[in-house]
Amino acid sequence: MSNGYIFEGNLNSSDNVTSLEETFLSDFDFNGLRRGDRIQVFSSGNQIDGNGTFIGVQDGFLIWADSSDNINTTSLDAISISRIAGTA
């Protein structure tokens, strides 16, 4: 059970999504998450690949680094994201 915040990951056509390059260069904010926040990613209630780091979103996908520093892209259609308490 997480002490962080839960964000349902569905983008609307009106959401402001930046290019991947802009995401890496700015303090991107997605529903209260900022680049560098420690996160947990869940699909169907099951945690995906341990804890990770939020990088941004692009074209309906969460971009994040897992605990092994691998860059992942995960569809926002069926996931929940929890910010790990104590990160800003």
Protein backbone atom coordinates (compact mmCIF):
# COMPACT_ATOMS: atom_id res chain seq x y z
CA MET A 1 0.00 0.00 0.00
CA SER A 2 1.38 3.37 -0.98
CA ASN A 3 1.48 6.58 1.04
CA GLY A 4 1.80 8.63 -2.15
CA TYR A 5 -0.79 10.11 -4.43
CA ILE A 6 -2.74 8.10 -6.99
CA PHE A 7 -3.04 9.50 -10.50
CA GLU A 8 -5.26 7.83 -13.03
CA GLY A 9 -3.40 8.01 -16.31
CA ASN A 10 -5.76 9.02 -19.08
CA LEU A 11 -4.91 11.92 -21.34
CA ASN A 12 -7.59 14.03 -22.97
CA SER A 13 -7.07 15.70 -26.31
CA SER A 14 -7.00 19.02 -24.43
CA ASP A 15 -4.07 17.97 -22.20
CA ASN A 16 -0.82 19.79 -22.86
CA VAL A 17 1.71 17.15 -23.92
CA THR A 18 5.19 18.32 -24.87
CA SER A 19 7.70 16.69 -27.14
CA LEU A 20 10.12 14.22 -25.57
CA GLU A 21 12.99 16.67 -25.99
CA GLU A 22 11.04 19.43 -24.18
CA THR A 23 10.08 16.94 -21.45
CA PHE A 24 13.74 16.24 -20.66
CA LEU A 25 14.64 19.94 -20.72
CA SER A 26 11.84 21.25 -18.48
CA ASP A 27 10.32 20.54 -15.09
CA PHE A 28 7.37 18.77 -16.69
CA ASP A 29 4.26 18.60 -14.52
CA PHE A 30 1.68 15.85 -15.06
CA ASN A 31 -1.16 15.81 -12.54
CA GLY A 32 1.18 16.93 -9.76
CA LEU A 33 4.13 14.75 -10.82
CA ARG A 34 7.34 16.48 -11.77
CA ARG A 35 10.36 15.07 -13.59
CA GLY A 36 12.56 13.28 -11.06
CA ASP A 37 9.76 12.27 -8.68
CA ARG A 38 10.07 8.72 -7.36
CA ILE A 39 7.04 6.70 -8.46
CA GLN A 40 5.40 3.30 -8.37
CA VAL A 41 3.53 2.18 -11.49
CA PHE A 42 0.56 -0.18 -11.23
CA SER A 43 -1.33 -2.16 -13.86
CA SER A 44 -4.52 -3.97 -12.78
CA GLY A 45 -3.54 -3.28 -9.17
CA ASN A 46 -0.15 -5.00 -9.51
CA GLN A 47 3.05 -3.01 -9.19
CA ILE A 48 5.20 -2.95 -12.33
CA ASP A 49 8.98 -3.44 -11.90
CA GLY A 50 9.57 -1.94 -8.45
CA ASN A 51 10.06 1.76 -7.85
CA GLY A 52 11.10 4.15 -10.58
CA THR A 53 11.58 7.78 -11.56
CA PHE A 54 9.04 9.90 -13.45
CA ILE A 55 10.43 11.43 -16.64
CA GLY A 56 7.31 12.66 -18.45
CA VAL A 57 4.50 11.76 -20.81
CA GLN A 58 4.38 11.71 -24.60
CA ASP A 59 1.67 10.59 -27.01
CA GLY A 60 -0.35 8.84 -24.30
CA PHE A 61 2.61 7.03 -22.73
CA LEU A 62 4.29 7.40 -19.37
CA ILE A 63 8.06 7.69 -19.74
CA TRP A 64 9.91 6.53 -16.66
CA ALA A 65 13.13 4.93 -15.49
CA ASP A 66 12.82 1.70 -13.51
CA SER A 67 14.97 0.67 -10.54
CA SER A 68 17.62 -0.69 -12.94
CA ASP A 69 17.79 2.69 -14.76
CA ASN A 70 16.09 1.28 -17.87
CA ILE A 71 13.88 3.80 -19.70
CA ASN A 72 10.31 2.50 -20.06
CA THR A 73 7.29 3.70 -21.99
CA THR A 74 3.99 2.46 -20.57
CA SER A 75 0.55 3.23 -22.00
CA LEU A 76 -1.47 5.54 -19.77
CA ASP A 77 -4.68 3.74 -20.77
CA ALA A 78 -4.59 1.09 -18.06
CA ILE A 79 -2.18 2.17 -15.32
CA SER A 80 -2.14 4.06 -12.06
CA ILE A 81 0.87 6.03 -10.87
CA SER A 82 1.68 6.59 -7.21
CA ARG A 83 4.22 9.21 -6.14
CA ILE A 84 6.35 7.80 -3.35
CA ALA A 85 5.86 9.87 -0.20
CA GLY A 86 8.67 12.22 0.65
CA THR A 87 9.42 13.29 -2.93
CA ALA A 88 8.49 16.67 -4.30
